[in-house]
Amino acid sequence: MNKNFTIPAFAEPITGLPDTPTCAANELKRRFQAPADEVRTAHNALAEAHETLGAKVEGIVAETFAGAIHENMFDEELAEKLNGKADETSVTEQMAAEATAREALENANSNAHSSLQRDIAAKCTIATGTFTATGDTMEITLPFTPTAVVLSSESYDTFMVPQGYKSNYNSVIAAELRGNKVIMHSTPLLNTAGRLCYYLALQ
């Protein structure tokens, strides 16, 4: 029976948080981690399915090609049997047929695995990280161009900056998102020298 390992939607998406979350720091960290945990669970299930499929492939080959010749079988006893029951041509043809069947099955499995990995990656592209504020205007380069980035620190409320927008603090631009770069301006909001800050980028 085929199993569906796709993740149509996260149970607790980060985008479900308000622009200015009011939850405690530990709960916010848990919400940041929740999507990654869902991806890990799906990936582990996929790995187990991959291992099970490998065992089934071995069974199919053994059942389809009874007496199939494997490399570790070439000993003196086998050589004597081959000399009495088969000629070189028939053995070569049997080995070629086995190799062709195995290659076809492995290719099908590899293609299915790659397709699932691409589907998971397309639905779950996030990036998290930390940076130390300098107090001056600074840039944080992200690994991709997100639709929004969430910024926070241990001692300040969390806020979100959508792509192409600017976040203001007391009518002063505090941060903005341009392509794959977060621009932190020299304002008291987060950007206090030495303060450890966090980001979560959402594609």
C-alpha atoms as a PDB file:
ATOM      1  CA  MET A   1       0.000   0.000   0.000  1.00  0.00           C
ATOM      2  CA  ASN A   2       1.435   3.366  -1.001  1.00  0.00           C
ATOM      3  CA  LYS A   3       2.020   5.940   1.713  1.00  0.00           C
ATOM      4  CA  ASN A   4       1.783   9.695   1.262  1.00  0.00           C
ATOM      5  CA  PHE A   5       4.715  11.502   2.887  1.00  0.00           C
ATOM      6  CA  THR A   6       3.809  15.013   1.703  1.00  0.00           C
ATOM      7  CA  ILE A   7       3.123  17.863   4.139  1.00  0.00           C
ATOM      8  CA  PRO A   8       0.135  19.809   2.722  1.00  0.00           C
ATOM      9  CA  ALA A   9       0.362  22.376   5.541  1.00  0.00           C
ATOM     10  CA  PHE A  10       2.168  22.830   8.833  1.00  0.00           C
ATOM     11  CA  ALA A  11       0.200  22.153  12.011  1.00  0.00           C
ATOM     12  CA  GLU A  12       1.653  25.295  13.611  1.00  0.00           C
ATOM     13  CA  PRO A  13       2.880  27.628  10.845  1.00  0.00           C
ATOM     14  CA  ILE A  14       4.982  30.630  11.830  1.00  0.00           C
ATOM     15  CA  THR A  15       2.777  32.784   9.617  1.00  0.00           C
ATOM     16  CA  GLY A  16      -0.068  32.086  12.049  1.00  0.00           C
ATOM     17  CA  LEU A  17       1.605  34.261  14.666  1.00  0.00           C
ATOM     18  CA  PRO A  18       0.495  37.886  14.968  1.00  0.00           C
ATOM     19  CA  ASP A  19       2.878  40.548  13.634  1.00  0.00           C
ATOM     20  CA  THR A  20       3.823  41.309  17.234  1.00  0.00           C
ATOM     21  CA  PRO A  21       3.659  37.989  19.155  1.00  0.00           C
ATOM     22  CA  THR A  22       2.872  38.222  22.851  1.00  0.00           C
ATOM     23  CA  CYS A  23       3.948  34.716  23.791  1.00  0.00           C
ATOM     24  CA  ALA A  24       6.922  33.965  26.041  1.00  0.00           C
ATOM     25  CA  ALA A  25      10.374  33.413  24.559  1.00  0.00           C
ATOM     26  CA  ASN A  26      10.279  29.627  25.149  1.00  0.00           C
ATOM     27  CA  GLU A  27       6.915  29.288  23.405  1.00  0.00           C
ATOM     28  CA  LEU A  28       8.174  31.423  20.511  1.00  0.00           C
ATOM     29  CA  LYS A  29      11.223  29.156  20.144  1.00  0.00           C
ATOM     30  CA  ARG A  30       8.947  26.105  20.173  1.00  0.00           C
ATOM     31  CA  ARG A  31       6.804  27.625  17.410  1.00  0.00           C
ATOM     32  CA  PHE A  32       9.945  28.352  15.364  1.00  0.00           C
ATOM     33  CA  GLN A  33      11.053  24.736  15.782  1.00  0.00           C
ATOM     34  CA  ALA A  34       7.652  23.098  15.107  1.00  0.00           C
ATOM     35  CA  PRO A  35       7.771  23.235  11.249  1.00  0.00           C
ATOM     36  CA  ALA A  36      11.302  21.811  11.207  1.00  0.00           C
ATOM     37  CA  ASP A  37      10.179  18.963  13.501  1.00  0.00           C
ATOM     38  CA  GLU A  38       7.335  18.143  11.084  1.00  0.00           C
ATOM     39  CA  VAL A  39       9.805  18.010   8.182  1.00  0.00           C
ATOM     40  CA  ARG A  40      12.142  15.774  10.209  1.00  0.00           C
ATOM     41  CA  THR A  41       9.295  13.358  11.042  1.00  0.00           C
ATOM     42  CA  ALA A  42       8.304  13.130   7.357  1.00  0.00           C
ATOM     43  CA  HIS A  43      11.927  12.656   6.292  1.00  0.00           C
ATOM     44  CA  ASN A  44      12.490   9.869   8.851  1.00  0.00           C
ATOM     45  CA  ALA A  45       9.336   8.101   7.677  1.00  0.00           C
ATOM     46  CA  LEU A  46      10.578   8.406   4.105  1.00  0.00           C
ATOM     47  CA  ALA A  47      13.961   6.916   5.085  1.00  0.00           C
ATOM     48  CA  GLU A  48      12.221   3.946   6.725  1.00  0.00           C
ATOM     49  CA  ALA A  49      10.075   3.437   3.630  1.00  0.00           C
ATOM     50  CA  HIS A  50      13.211   3.594   1.473  1.00  0.00           C
ATOM     51  CA  GLU A  51      14.833   0.847   3.563  1.00  0.00           C
ATOM     52  CA  THR A  52      11.696  -1.311   3.368  1.00  0.00           C
ATOM     53  CA  LEU A  53      11.548  -0.862  -0.395  1.00  0.00           C
ATOM     54  CA  GLY A  54      15.185  -1.944  -0.677  1.00  0.00           C
ATOM     55  CA  ALA A  55      14.347  -5.207   1.109  1.00  0.00           C
ATOM     56  CA  LYS A  56      11.376  -5.750  -1.214  1.00  0.00           C
ATOM     57  CA  VAL A  57      13.602  -5.191  -4.255  1.00  0.00           C
ATOM     58  CA  GLU A  58      15.944  -7.932  -3.025  1.00  0.00           C
ATOM     59  CA  GLY A  59      12.956 -10.258  -2.612  1.00  0.00           C
ATOM     60  CA  ILE A  60      11.646  -9.491  -6.107  1.00  0.00           C
ATOM     61  CA  VAL A  61      15.039 -10.176  -7.682  1.00  0.00           C
ATOM     62  CA  ALA A  62      15.454 -13.437  -5.745  1.00  0.00           C
ATOM     63  CA  GLU A  63      11.943 -14.606  -6.691  1.00  0.00           C
ATOM     64  CA  THR A  64      12.135 -13.547 -10.346  1.00  0.00           C
ATOM     65  CA  PHE A  65      15.632 -14.863 -10.981  1.00  0.00           C
ATOM     66  CA  ALA A  66      15.819 -18.091  -8.963  1.00  0.00           C
ATOM     67  CA  GLY A  67      19.427 -19.118  -8.576  1.00  0.00           C
ATOM     68  CA  ALA A  68      20.685 -15.650  -9.520  1.00  0.00           C
ATOM     69  CA  ILE A  69      24.455 -15.377  -9.348  1.00  0.00           C
ATOM     70  CA  HIS A  70      25.963 -12.905  -6.918  1.00  0.00           C
ATOM     71  CA  GLU A  71      29.594 -11.921  -6.648  1.00  0.00           C
ATOM     72  CA  ASN A  72      30.087 -13.624  -3.283  1.00  0.00           C
ATOM     73  CA  MET A  73      28.891 -16.940  -4.730  1.00  0.00           C
ATOM     74  CA  PHE A  74      31.856 -17.476  -7.046  1.00  0.00           C
ATOM     75  CA  ASP A  75      33.734 -20.173  -5.124  1.00  0.00           C
ATOM     76  CA  GLU A  76      35.087 -23.596  -6.086  1.00  0.00           C
ATOM     77  CA  GLU A  77      31.782 -25.386  -5.477  1.00  0.00           C
ATOM     78  CA  LEU A  78      29.865 -23.027  -7.759  1.00  0.00           C
ATOM     79  CA  ALA A  79      32.535 -23.324 -10.463  1.00  0.00           C
ATOM     80  CA  GLU A  80      32.049 -27.097 -10.498  1.00  0.00           C
ATOM     81  CA  LYS A  81      28.260 -26.741 -10.820  1.00  0.00           C
ATOM     82  CA  LEU A  82      28.610 -24.231 -13.669  1.00  0.00           C
ATOM     83  CA  ASN A  83      30.939 -26.556 -15.555  1.00  0.00           C
ATOM     84  CA  GLY A  84      28.379 -29.362 -15.382  1.00  0.00           C
ATOM     85  CA  LYS A  85      25.053 -27.513 -15.853  1.00  0.00           C
ATOM     86  CA  ALA A  86      25.528 -24.308 -17.835  1.00  0.00           C
ATOM     87  CA  ASP A  87      27.786 -22.795 -20.427  1.00  0.00           C
ATOM     88  CA  GLU A  88      29.381 -19.337 -20.254  1.00  0.00           C
ATOM     89  CA  THR A  89      26.806 -17.713 -22.556  1.00  0.00           C
ATOM     90  CA  SER A  90      23.731 -18.635 -20.492  1.00  0.00           C
ATOM     91  CA  VAL A  91      25.383 -17.452 -17.257  1.00  0.00           C
ATOM     92  CA  THR A  92      26.276 -14.099 -18.808  1.00  0.00           C
ATOM     93  CA  GLU A  93      22.739 -13.610 -20.108  1.00  0.00           C
ATOM     94  CA  GLN A  94      21.240 -14.400 -16.699  1.00  0.00           C
ATOM     95  CA  MET A  95      23.564 -11.946 -14.954  1.00  0.00           C
ATOM     96  CA  ALA A  96      22.764  -9.234 -17.507  1.00  0.00           C
ATOM     97  CA  ALA A  97      19.013  -9.747 -17.068  1.00  0.00           C
ATOM     98  CA  GLU A  98      19.353  -9.549 -13.289  1.00  0.00           C
ATOM     99  CA  ALA A  99      21.428  -6.373 -13.513  1.00  0.00           C
ATOM    100  CA  THR A 100      18.897  -4.761 -15.873  1.00  0.00           C
ATOM    101  CA  ALA A 101      15.971  -5.561 -13.565  1.00  0.00           C
ATOM    102  CA  ARG A 102      17.810  -4.283 -10.490  1.00  0.00           C
ATOM    103  CA  GLU A 103      18.831  -1.065 -12.225  1.00  0.00           C
ATOM    104  CA  ALA A 104      15.243  -0.397 -13.352  1.00  0.00           C
ATOM    105  CA  LEU A 105      13.898  -0.905  -9.831  1.00  0.00           C
ATOM    106  CA  GLU A 106      16.605   1.239  -8.235  1.00  0.00           C
ATOM    107  CA  ASN A 107      16.021   4.037 -10.765  1.00  0.00           C
ATOM    108  CA  ALA A 108      12.280   4.013 -10.073  1.00  0.00           C
ATOM    109  CA  ASN A 109      12.913   4.184  -6.325  1.00  0.00           C
ATOM    110  CA  SER A 110      15.494   6.965  -6.714  1.00  0.00           C
ATOM    111  CA  ASN A 111      13.160   9.042  -8.891  1.00  0.00           C
ATOM    112  CA  ALA A 112      10.311   8.683  -6.396  1.00  0.00           C
ATOM    113  CA  HIS A 113      12.600   9.683  -3.516  1.00  0.00           C
ATOM    114  CA  SER A 114      13.956  12.719  -5.378  1.00  0.00           C
ATOM    115  CA  SER A 115      10.457  13.867  -6.312  1.00  0.00           C
ATOM    116  CA  LEU A 116       9.288  13.648  -2.708  1.00  0.00           C
ATOM    117  CA  GLN A 117      12.332  15.553  -1.468  1.00  0.00           C
ATOM    118  CA  ARG A 118      11.642  18.349  -3.961  1.00  0.00           C
ATOM    119  CA  ASP A 119       7.978  18.506  -2.881  1.00  0.00           C
ATOM    120  CA  ILE A 120       8.955  18.737   0.787  1.00  0.00           C
ATOM    121  CA  ALA A 121      11.574  21.408   0.089  1.00  0.00           C
ATOM    122  CA  ALA A 122       9.106  23.474  -1.954  1.00  0.00           C
ATOM    123  CA  LYS A 123       6.581  23.472   0.899  1.00  0.00           C
ATOM    124  CA  CYS A 124       8.996  23.952   3.774  1.00  0.00           C
ATOM    125  CA  THR A 125      11.607  26.553   2.825  1.00  0.00           C
ATOM    126  CA  ILE A 126      12.605  28.410   5.983  1.00  0.00           C
ATOM    127  CA  ALA A 127      15.887  29.679   7.372  1.00  0.00           C
ATOM    128  CA  THR A 128      16.774  30.589  10.942  1.00  0.00           C
ATOM    129  CA  GLY A 129      19.850  32.155  12.435  1.00  0.00           C
ATOM    130  CA  THR A 130      21.314  34.647  14.867  1.00  0.00           C
ATOM    131  CA  PHE A 131      23.347  37.820  14.638  1.00  0.00           C
ATOM    132  CA  THR A 132      24.917  40.221  17.097  1.00  0.00           C
ATOM    133  CA  ALA A 133      23.718  43.797  16.770  1.00  0.00           C
ATOM    134  CA  THR A 134      26.395  46.487  16.283  1.00  0.00           C
ATOM    135  CA  GLY A 135      24.337  49.585  17.024  1.00  0.00           C
ATOM    136  CA  ASP A 136      25.135  50.905  13.527  1.00  0.00           C
ATOM    137  CA  THR A 137      23.401  50.257  10.209  1.00  0.00           C
ATOM    138  CA  MET A 138      24.126  46.653   9.245  1.00  0.00           C
ATOM    139  CA  GLU A 139      23.088  44.017   6.700  1.00  0.00           C
ATOM    140  CA  ILE A 140      22.165  40.376   7.318  1.00  0.00           C
ATOM    141  CA  THR A 141      22.383  38.209   4.177  1.00  0.00           C
ATOM    142  CA  LEU A 142      19.813  35.389   3.977  1.00  0.00           C
ATOM    143  CA  PRO A 143      20.269  32.138   1.960  1.00  0.00           C
ATOM    144  CA  PHE A 144      17.243  32.938  -0.251  1.00  0.00           C
ATOM    145  CA  THR A 145      14.818  35.773  -0.992  1.00  0.00           C
ATOM    146  CA  PRO A 146      11.983  35.404   1.537  1.00  0.00           C
ATOM    147  CA  THR A 147       8.484  36.829   1.537  1.00  0.00           C
ATOM    148  CA  ALA A 148       8.972  37.995   5.113  1.00  0.00           C
ATOM    149  CA  VAL A 149      11.434  37.796   7.997  1.00  0.00           C
ATOM    150  CA  VAL A 150      10.695  37.653  11.733  1.00  0.00           C
ATOM    151  CA  LEU A 151      13.174  39.443  14.016  1.00  0.00           C
ATOM    152  CA  SER A 152      13.482  39.033  17.769  1.00  0.00           C
ATOM    153  CA  SER A 153      15.830  39.016  20.757  1.00  0.00           C
ATOM    154  CA  GLU A 154      15.742  37.790  24.333  1.00  0.00           C
ATOM    155  CA  SER A 155      14.982  41.254  25.649  1.00  0.00           C
ATOM    156  CA  TYR A 156      12.703  42.731  22.981  1.00  0.00           C
ATOM    157  CA  ASP A 157       9.360  41.899  21.392  1.00  0.00           C
ATOM    158  CA  THR A 158       9.226  40.028  18.104  1.00  0.00           C
ATOM    159  CA  PHE A 159       8.196  41.789  14.919  1.00  0.00           C
ATOM    160  CA  MET A 160       7.828  40.869  11.245  1.00  0.00           C
ATOM    161  CA  VAL A 161       9.137  42.692   8.162  1.00  0.00           C
ATOM    162  CA  PRO A 162       7.463  41.740   4.825  1.00  0.00           C
ATOM    163  CA  GLN A 163       9.448  41.758   1.578  1.00  0.00           C
ATOM    164  CA  GLY A 164       9.915  45.295   0.245  1.00  0.00           C
ATOM    165  CA  TYR A 165       8.537  46.909   3.419  1.00  0.00           C
ATOM    166  CA  LYS A 166      10.104  48.820   6.308  1.00  0.00           C
ATOM    167  CA  SER A 167       9.428  48.467  10.016  1.00  0.00           C
ATOM    168  CA  ASN A 168       9.237  51.715  11.974  1.00  0.00           C
ATOM    169  CA  TYR A 169      10.074  52.473  15.586  1.00  0.00           C
ATOM    170  CA  ASN A 170       8.900  55.834  16.931  1.00  0.00           C
ATOM    171  CA  SER A 171       8.511  57.051  13.311  1.00  0.00           C
ATOM    172  CA  VAL A 172      12.119  56.018  12.536  1.00  0.00           C
ATOM    173  CA  ILE A 173      12.926  53.180  10.142  1.00  0.00           C
ATOM    174  CA  ALA A 174      14.222  50.292  12.247  1.00  0.00           C
ATOM    175  CA  ALA A 175      14.557  47.475   9.698  1.00  0.00           C
ATOM    176  CA  GLU A 176      13.677  46.685   6.102  1.00  0.00           C
ATOM    177  CA  LEU A 177      13.772  43.643   3.833  1.00  0.00           C
ATOM    178  CA  ARG A 178      15.319  44.063   0.373  1.00  0.00           C
ATOM    179  CA  GLY A 179      15.635  40.845  -1.625  1.00  0.00           C
ATOM    180  CA  ASN A 180      17.711  38.455   0.468  1.00  0.00           C
ATOM    181  CA  LYS A 181      19.096  41.157   2.769  1.00  0.00           C
ATOM    182  CA  VAL A 182      17.769  42.506   6.055  1.00  0.00           C
ATOM    183  CA  ILE A 183      18.863  46.115   6.649  1.00  0.00           C
ATOM    184  CA  MET A 184      19.084  46.974  10.352  1.00  0.00           C
ATOM    185  CA  HIS A 185      19.195  50.709  11.005  1.00  0.00           C
ATOM    186  CA  SER A 186      20.804  52.378  14.021  1.00  0.00           C
ATOM    187  CA  THR A 187      17.724  52.606  16.238  1.00  0.00           C
ATOM    188  CA  PRO A 188      17.082  51.240  19.762  1.00  0.00           C
ATOM    189  CA  LEU A 189      14.779  48.567  18.272  1.00  0.00           C
ATOM    190  CA  LEU A 190      16.851  45.347  18.444  1.00  0.00           C
ATOM    191  CA  ASN A 191      19.980  47.073  17.065  1.00  0.00           C
ATOM    192  CA  THR A 192      21.707  47.778  20.370  1.00  0.00           C
ATOM    193  CA  ALA A 193      25.423  46.999  20.278  1.00  0.00           C
ATOM    194  CA  GLY A 194      26.218  43.537  21.627  1.00  0.00           C
ATOM    195  CA  ARG A 195      22.604  42.319  21.719  1.00  0.00           C
ATOM    196  CA  LEU A 196      22.059  38.758  20.435  1.00  0.00           C
ATOM    197  CA  CYS A 197      19.203  38.721  17.916  1.00  0.00           C
ATOM    198  CA  TYR A 198      17.318  35.987  16.047  1.00  0.00           C
ATOM    199  CA  TYR A 199      15.755  35.815  12.600  1.00  0.00           C
ATOM    200  CA  LEU A 200      13.338  33.474  10.860  1.00  0.00           C
ATOM    201  CA  ALA A 201      13.046  33.854   7.082  1.00  0.00           C
ATOM    202  CA  LEU A 202       9.888  32.517   5.355  1.00  0.00           C
ATOM    203  CA  GLN A 203       9.670  31.810   1.630  1.00  0.00           C
END
